[in-house]
Amino acid sequence: MTSRKRNNSLKLSLRIACALGGLLAAGAASALMMVGPGQAMVVTEFGRPVRVLTQPGLAWKIPAPVQQTIPVDLRMRTTSSGLQDVGTKEGLRILVQAYVAWEVDDDPAHIEQFLRAGRSDANDVAQRLRSLLGSTLQVTASNFNLADLINTRSDQSRFAAFEQQLQANLYRQILDTYGIRIVQTGVERLSLPAETLAATVARMRAERETVAAQRTADGLRAASAIRSDAERDARLIAAKANQEVAEIEAKGREQAAQIHASAYALDPQLYTMVRSLDTLGATLGPKTRVILRTDAEPFKALVQGPPTAPAASPTPAGTTGQAPPALSNWQFSGDDPHAAR
């Protein structure tokens, strides 16, 4: 009997030990928690946050129901505003669709703020972000003209400034309200209503006409300058050429005068006769008819003949040594200048 009681007591002890071991294992399991990558774990004590764990790995806490954990996703997400009808600075309407890339900031204070604002529901937070993004688009677009967003000239476009200002308007407001950090903001789509499109086309046409008129004026100005320079260069070249021609003619006349002087010095009478014949050749043409006195210059050379030598030469037999009789009243025809009538 005693042995049986001892066995029953041993079994009871083993059961109690197993139960205690199970309770300890369950307590240890409930006290152990895993923080995954891209995740934060908020430890709450009776619903109040007491710790925020952002480093991946194992951690401990007081078993439930004293302490519990709330996981928070820290990965980046994107939200689109949808097509929003907003007005520009000059009052024109445009359709803009923007996106925002966001993530919960890993600062413990911002994580707790995110829990208080969004209750860790990402869809609810995204809906609030879309609403806030739409109103911020309206405020930001009112600071820009349509030409700042839609322009054919890249140096006049301020599209990048529009996106930067949109992100700046969102960043601090969303961080302070929801504990969310804006990573990037941009415009997905921008289109124009019919009336805005007509105004844009008219503005672009006017700009192109202005540019065309300016370039035409610049071209005419450049052409006028080139033409003026060319005319000036032509006048300078012509003046220089005329000066060179005058110098050459003067040198030619000087050389001709020297040649004539040399020829006259050798035989004045022969020079006089040759010059008279040259004058006749230059005066009479193929169809020229001239009636002049035969004893006048330069026809005297044809009447009197070549001049006699200064020294007397022997007279051949049968000759008298006198010059041939002078011819009077010759009539020359341009058709036959050597025929005399």
Protein backbone atom coordinates (compact mmCIF):
# COMPACT_ATOMS: atom_id res chain seq x y z
CA MET A 1 0.00 0.00 0.00
CA THR A 2 2.82 2.30 0.93
CA SER A 3 4.56 1.60 -2.39
CA ARG A 4 1.41 2.41 -4.30
CA LYS A 5 1.00 5.72 -2.49
CA ARG A 6 4.59 6.51 -3.25
CA ASN A 7 4.06 5.84 -6.95
CA ASN A 8 0.92 7.95 -7.04
CA SER A 9 2.74 10.77 -5.36
CA LEU A 10 5.57 10.53 -7.88
CA LYS A 11 3.19 10.62 -10.80
CA LEU A 12 1.44 13.63 -9.36
CA SER A 13 4.75 15.39 -8.97
CA LEU A 14 5.66 14.60 -12.56
CA ARG A 15 2.35 15.95 -13.78
CA ILE A 16 2.78 19.11 -11.78
CA ALA A 17 6.31 19.51 -13.12
CA CYS A 18 5.13 19.01 -16.70
CA ALA A 19 2.34 21.51 -16.20
CA LEU A 20 4.74 24.03 -14.74
CA GLY A 21 7.17 23.40 -17.60
CA GLY A 22 4.39 23.94 -20.13
CA LEU A 23 3.37 27.13 -18.39
CA LEU A 24 6.96 28.33 -18.35
CA ALA A 25 7.39 27.46 -22.06
CA ALA A 26 4.16 29.23 -22.95
CA GLY A 27 5.23 32.24 -20.90
CA ALA A 28 8.64 32.28 -22.57
CA ALA A 29 7.04 32.02 -25.99
CA SER A 30 4.67 34.88 -25.24
CA ALA A 31 7.57 36.95 -23.90
CA LEU A 32 9.71 36.39 -27.02
CA MET A 33 9.12 38.57 -30.11
CA MET A 34 10.75 38.83 -33.56
CA VAL A 35 11.45 42.15 -35.30
CA GLY A 36 11.71 41.58 -39.06
CA PRO A 37 13.63 43.67 -41.65
CA GLY A 38 11.73 46.77 -42.82
CA GLN A 39 9.57 46.56 -39.73
CA ALA A 40 9.23 48.24 -36.34
CA MET A 41 7.70 46.67 -33.26
CA VAL A 42 5.85 48.83 -30.76
CA VAL A 43 5.55 47.35 -27.26
CA THR A 44 2.48 48.56 -25.36
CA GLU A 45 1.72 48.13 -21.68
CA PHE A 46 -2.01 48.07 -21.05
CA GLY A 47 -2.47 49.84 -24.41
CA ARG A 48 0.14 52.56 -23.80
CA PRO A 49 3.34 52.47 -25.96
CA VAL A 50 6.40 51.98 -23.81
CA ARG A 51 9.05 50.82 -26.28
CA VAL A 52 9.72 51.00 -30.03
CA LEU A 53 12.07 48.44 -31.56
CA THR A 54 13.45 49.15 -35.05
CA GLN A 55 16.50 46.83 -35.16
CA PRO A 56 15.75 43.41 -36.71
CA GLY A 57 16.17 40.40 -34.40
CA LEU A 58 14.77 38.75 -31.25
CA ALA A 59 13.59 40.78 -28.26
CA TRP A 60 11.84 40.16 -24.94
CA LYS A 61 8.77 41.62 -23.31
CA ILE A 62 6.47 40.91 -20.43
CA PRO A 63 3.99 38.24 -21.44
CA ALA A 64 0.47 39.19 -22.31
CA PRO A 65 -1.80 40.60 -21.17
CA VAL A 66 0.64 42.96 -19.45
CA GLN A 67 2.56 43.88 -22.58
CA GLN A 68 1.56 43.41 -26.20
CA THR A 69 3.18 44.23 -29.56
CA ILE A 70 1.99 46.16 -32.63
CA PRO A 71 3.98 45.71 -35.86
CA VAL A 72 4.53 48.78 -38.09
CA ASP A 73 5.60 48.42 -41.72
CA LEU A 74 8.53 50.77 -42.53
CA ARG A 75 8.78 49.90 -46.21
CA MET A 76 8.31 52.55 -48.90
CA ARG A 77 4.88 52.90 -50.52
CA THR A 78 3.40 55.08 -53.24
CA THR A 79 0.07 56.87 -53.45
CA SER A 80 -1.47 58.69 -56.43
CA SER A 81 -3.71 61.72 -56.19
CA GLY A 82 -5.77 60.90 -59.26
CA LEU A 83 -6.56 63.51 -61.92
CA GLN A 84 -7.11 66.84 -60.14
CA ASP A 85 -8.62 69.98 -61.74
CA VAL A 86 -6.49 72.88 -60.48
CA GLY A 87 -6.00 76.51 -61.51
CA THR A 88 -2.78 78.28 -62.51
CA LYS A 89 -1.63 81.73 -61.47
CA GLU A 90 -3.33 83.41 -64.45
CA GLY A 91 -6.59 81.56 -63.81
CA LEU A 92 -6.35 78.81 -66.46
CA ARG A 93 -7.50 75.31 -65.56
CA ILE A 94 -5.23 72.29 -65.90
CA LEU A 95 -5.59 68.61 -65.05
CA VAL A 96 -2.71 67.24 -62.94
CA GLN A 97 -2.14 63.79 -61.51
CA ALA A 98 0.67 63.55 -58.96
CA TYR A 99 2.19 60.72 -56.96
CA VAL A 100 3.95 60.63 -53.60
CA ALA A 101 6.42 57.99 -52.35
CA TRP A 102 6.27 57.76 -48.57
CA GLU A 103 7.36 55.66 -45.64
CA VAL A 104 6.92 55.71 -41.87
CA ASP A 105 9.91 57.48 -40.36
CA ASP A 106 12.07 55.17 -38.23
CA ASP A 107 12.21 57.68 -35.39
CA PRO A 108 10.37 56.18 -32.36
CA ALA A 109 8.42 59.39 -31.76
CA HIS A 110 7.20 59.45 -35.37
CA ILE A 111 6.29 55.75 -35.22
CA GLU A 112 4.13 56.38 -32.14
CA GLN A 113 2.61 59.39 -33.89
CA PHE A 114 1.80 57.19 -36.90
CA LEU A 115 0.01 54.73 -34.64
CA ARG A 116 -2.04 57.48 -33.05
CA ALA A 117 -2.95 59.03 -36.42
CA GLY A 118 -3.47 56.01 -38.62
CA ARG A 119 -3.91 53.10 -36.24
CA SER A 120 -1.29 51.32 -38.41
CA ASP A 121 -3.82 51.00 -41.26
CA ALA A 122 -1.85 51.83 -44.43
CA ASN A 123 -4.96 52.10 -46.60
CA ASP A 124 -6.52 54.65 -44.27
CA VAL A 125 -3.28 56.66 -44.27
CA ALA A 126 -3.06 56.49 -48.07
CA GLN A 127 -6.61 57.85 -48.35
CA ARG A 128 -5.71 60.76 -46.11
CA LEU A 129 -2.54 61.39 -48.13
CA ARG A 130 -4.54 61.50 -51.38
CA SER A 131 -6.88 64.10 -49.95
CA LEU A 132 -4.02 66.20 -48.63
CA LEU A 133 -2.10 65.85 -51.91
CA GLY A 134 -5.09 67.15 -53.90
CA SER A 135 -5.40 70.31 -51.80
CA THR A 136 -1.62 70.86 -51.92
CA LEU A 137 -1.68 70.57 -55.70
CA GLN A 138 -4.21 73.41 -55.87
CA VAL A 139 -2.10 75.64 -53.63
CA THR A 140 1.14 74.88 -55.50
CA ALA A 141 -0.35 75.34 -58.99
CA SER A 142 -1.63 78.80 -58.03
CA ASN A 143 1.99 79.96 -57.73
CA PHE A 144 2.92 79.04 -61.33
CA ASN A 145 1.86 80.26 -64.76
CA LEU A 146 0.85 77.83 -67.47
CA ALA A 147 4.00 78.75 -69.44
CA ASP A 148 6.09 77.59 -66.45
CA LEU A 149 4.66 74.08 -66.78
CA ILE A 150 4.09 73.77 -70.54
CA ASN A 151 6.75 75.41 -72.70
CA THR A 152 8.73 74.44 -75.79
CA ARG A 153 11.84 76.14 -74.42
CA SER A 154 13.56 74.16 -71.68
CA ASP A 155 15.29 77.23 -70.25
CA GLN A 156 11.91 78.81 -69.46
CA SER A 157 10.25 75.70 -68.04
CA ARG A 158 9.87 75.48 -64.24
CA PHE A 159 8.41 71.97 -64.06
CA ALA A 160 11.15 70.73 -61.70
CA ALA A 161 10.55 73.73 -59.42
CA PHE A 162 6.83 72.85 -59.37
CA GLU A 163 7.59 69.30 -58.15
CA GLN A 164 10.09 70.55 -55.56
CA GLN A 165 7.63 73.08 -54.16
CA LEU A 166 4.89 70.44 -54.07
CA GLN A 167 7.13 68.13 -52.02
CA ALA A 168 8.21 70.96 -49.73
CA ASN A 169 4.57 71.86 -49.02
CA LEU A 170 3.76 68.24 -48.18
CA TYR A 171 6.88 67.19 -46.28
CA ARG A 172 6.65 69.05 -42.98
CA GLN A 173 2.85 68.92 -42.78
CA ILE A 174 2.67 65.13 -43.25
CA LEU A 175 5.66 64.45 -41.01
CA ASP A 176 4.23 66.51 -38.15
CA THR A 177 0.70 65.13 -38.57
CA TYR A 178 1.20 61.45 -39.41
CA GLY A 179 4.87 60.76 -38.68
CA ILE A 180 5.34 59.89 -42.36
CA ARG A 181 8.43 60.96 -44.33
CA ILE A 182 7.97 61.98 -47.97
CA VAL A 183 10.68 60.40 -50.10
CA GLN A 184 9.71 61.72 -53.52
CA THR A 185 6.92 63.67 -55.17
CA GLY A 186 6.30 64.00 -58.91
CA VAL A 187 3.74 64.61 -61.62
CA GLU A 188 2.48 61.54 -63.46
CA ARG A 189 0.19 63.26 -65.93
CA LEU A 190 -0.64 66.80 -67.01
CA SER A 191 -3.33 67.62 -69.56
CA LEU A 192 -5.38 70.62 -70.61
CA PRO A 193 -9.13 71.16 -70.93
CA ALA A 194 -10.45 72.36 -74.31
CA GLU A 195 -10.50 76.07 -73.44
CA THR A 196 -7.07 75.96 -71.84
CA LEU A 197 -5.70 74.04 -74.81
CA ALA A 198 -6.98 76.72 -77.21
CA ALA A 199 -5.40 79.46 -75.09
CA THR A 200 -2.14 77.55 -74.94
CA VAL A 201 -2.01 77.05 -78.70
CA ALA A 202 -2.72 80.76 -79.26
CA ARG A 203 0.02 81.72 -76.80
CA MET A 204 2.53 79.37 -78.42
CA ARG A 205 1.63 80.72 -81.88
CA ALA A 206 2.17 84.28 -80.66
CA GLU A 207 5.52 83.29 -79.14
CA ARG A 208 6.62 81.64 -82.38
CA GLU A 209 5.58 84.70 -84.38
CA THR A 210 7.53 86.92 -82.02
CA VAL A 211 10.60 84.71 -82.34
CA ALA A 212 10.22 84.63 -86.14
CA ALA A 213 9.94 88.42 -86.30
CA GLN A 214 12.98 88.82 -84.08
CA ARG A 215 15.04 86.41 -86.17
CA THR A 216 13.90 88.11 -89.38
CA ALA A 217 14.93 91.48 -87.99
CA ASP A 218 18.28 90.06 -86.91
CA GLY A 219 18.78 88.56 -90.37
CA LEU A 220 17.94 91.84 -92.12
CA ARG A 221 20.26 93.70 -89.76
CA ALA A 222 23.08 91.26 -90.43
CA ALA A 223 22.43 91.38 -94.20
CA SER A 224 22.50 95.18 -94.14
CA ALA A 225 25.78 95.16 -92.23
CA ILE A 226 27.29 92.63 -94.64
CA ARG A 227 26.07 94.61 -97.65
CA SER A 228 27.45 97.86 -96.22
CA ASP A 229 30.81 96.23 -95.52
CA ALA A 230 30.89 94.75 -99.02
CA GLU A 231 30.10 98.12 -100.64
CA ARG A 232 32.75 99.82 -98.53
CA ASP A 233 35.32 97.15 -99.48
CA ALA A 234 34.30 97.49 -103.14
CA ARG A 235 34.80 101.26 -103.02
CA LEU A 236 38.17 100.83 -101.37
CA ILE A 237 39.24 98.23 -103.92
CA ALA A 238 37.98 100.37 -106.83
CA ALA A 239 39.75 103.46 -105.47
CA LYS A 240 42.96 101.49 -105.04
CA ALA A 241 42.61 100.06 -108.56
CA ASN A 242 41.98 103.53 -110.04
CA GLN A 243 45.03 104.83 -108.19
CA GLU A 244 47.14 101.99 -109.57
CA VAL A 245 45.75 102.58 -113.09
CA ALA A 246 46.55 106.28 -112.83
CA GLU A 247 50.05 105.49 -111.64
CA ILE A 248 50.57 103.00 -114.49
CA GLU A 249 49.18 105.45 -117.05
CA ALA A 250 51.43 108.21 -115.70
CA LYS A 251 54.44 105.93 -115.90
CA GLY A 252 53.38 104.89 -119.42
CA ARG A 253 53.03 108.50 -120.53
CA GLU A 254 56.36 109.31 -118.96
CA GLN A 255 58.05 106.41 -120.77
CA ALA A 256 56.29 107.33 -124.02
CA ALA A 257 57.45 110.92 -123.68
CA GLN A 258 60.99 109.70 -123.12
CA ILE A 259 60.78 107.44 -126.19
CA HIS A 260 59.37 110.26 -128.32
CA ALA A 261 62.06 112.62 -127.06
CA SER A 262 64.76 110.09 -127.92
CA ALA A 263 63.30 109.53 -131.40
CA TYR A 264 63.01 113.27 -132.02
CA ALA A 265 66.58 113.78 -130.93
CA LEU A 266 67.82 111.20 -133.44
CA ASP A 267 65.97 112.62 -136.48
CA PRO A 268 63.51 115.45 -135.93
CA GLN A 269 62.25 115.53 -139.52
CA LEU A 270 61.64 111.78 -139.69
CA TYR A 271 59.93 111.93 -136.31
CA THR A 272 57.67 114.72 -137.52
CA MET A 273 56.74 112.78 -140.67
CA VAL A 274 56.05 109.54 -138.78
CA ARG A 275 53.89 111.35 -136.25
CA SER A 276 52.00 112.99 -139.13
CA LEU A 277 51.38 109.60 -140.72
CA ASP A 278 50.25 108.20 -137.35
CA THR A 279 47.84 111.09 -137.03
CA LEU A 280 46.49 110.37 -140.54
CA GLY A 281 46.06 106.70 -139.68
CA ALA A 282 44.17 107.53 -136.53
CA THR A 283 42.02 110.16 -138.26
CA LEU A 284 41.02 108.43 -141.50
CA GLY A 285 38.88 105.33 -141.49
CA PRO A 286 37.73 102.90 -144.22
CA LYS A 287 34.65 105.02 -144.98
CA THR A 288 35.98 108.48 -144.19
CA ARG A 289 35.97 111.26 -146.83
CA VAL A 290 38.02 114.35 -146.05
CA ILE A 291 38.82 117.38 -148.23
CA LEU A 292 41.67 119.52 -146.89
CA ARG A 293 44.46 121.67 -148.12
CA THR A 294 47.42 119.58 -149.17
CA ASP A 295 49.99 122.03 -147.88
CA ALA A 296 48.67 121.80 -144.30
CA GLU A 297 49.76 119.48 -141.56
CA PRO A 298 49.72 116.52 -141.53
CA PHE A 299 49.08 116.14 -145.27
CA LYS A 300 52.23 118.09 -146.10
CA ALA A 301 54.21 114.89 -145.68
CA LEU A 302 52.31 113.31 -148.57
CA VAL A 303 52.91 116.32 -150.81
CA GLN A 304 56.53 117.17 -150.06
CA GLY A 305 57.76 113.65 -149.42
CA PRO A 306 60.49 112.70 -147.00
CA PRO A 307 62.84 115.46 -145.92
CA THR A 308 66.11 115.88 -147.75
CA ALA A 309 69.39 115.04 -146.15
CA PRO A 310 71.34 117.95 -144.72
CA ALA A 311 74.42 117.24 -146.89
CA ALA A 312 74.22 117.38 -150.68
CA SER A 313 74.68 114.09 -152.41
CA PRO A 314 75.82 113.50 -155.99
CA THR A 315 73.06 113.84 -158.51
CA PRO A 316 72.61 110.90 -160.83
CA ALA A 317 72.84 111.46 -164.54
CA GLY A 318 69.72 112.69 -166.14
CA THR A 319 68.33 114.24 -162.95
CA THR A 320 68.30 117.84 -161.85
CA GLY A 321 68.53 117.19 -158.09
CA GLN A 322 65.35 119.08 -157.33
CA ALA A 323 62.46 117.81 -155.22
CA PRO A 324 59.44 116.58 -157.13
CA PRO A 325 56.91 119.23 -157.93
CA ALA A 326 54.42 119.88 -155.20
CA LEU A 327 50.95 118.58 -155.68
CA SER A 328 48.16 120.95 -154.99
CA ASN A 329 44.54 120.51 -154.14
CA TRP A 330 44.67 116.72 -153.50
CA GLN A 331 41.49 115.03 -152.59
CA PHE A 332 41.72 111.87 -150.45
CA SER A 333 39.06 109.28 -150.14
CA GLY A 334 38.69 107.07 -147.11
CA ASP A 335 38.10 104.14 -149.46
CA ASP A 336 41.51 104.64 -151.06
CA PRO A 337 43.61 107.11 -149.08
CA HIS A 338 46.53 106.85 -151.55
CA ALA A 339 44.51 107.82 -154.62
CA ALA A 340 44.79 111.46 -155.55
CA ARG A 341 42.51 113.39 -157.77
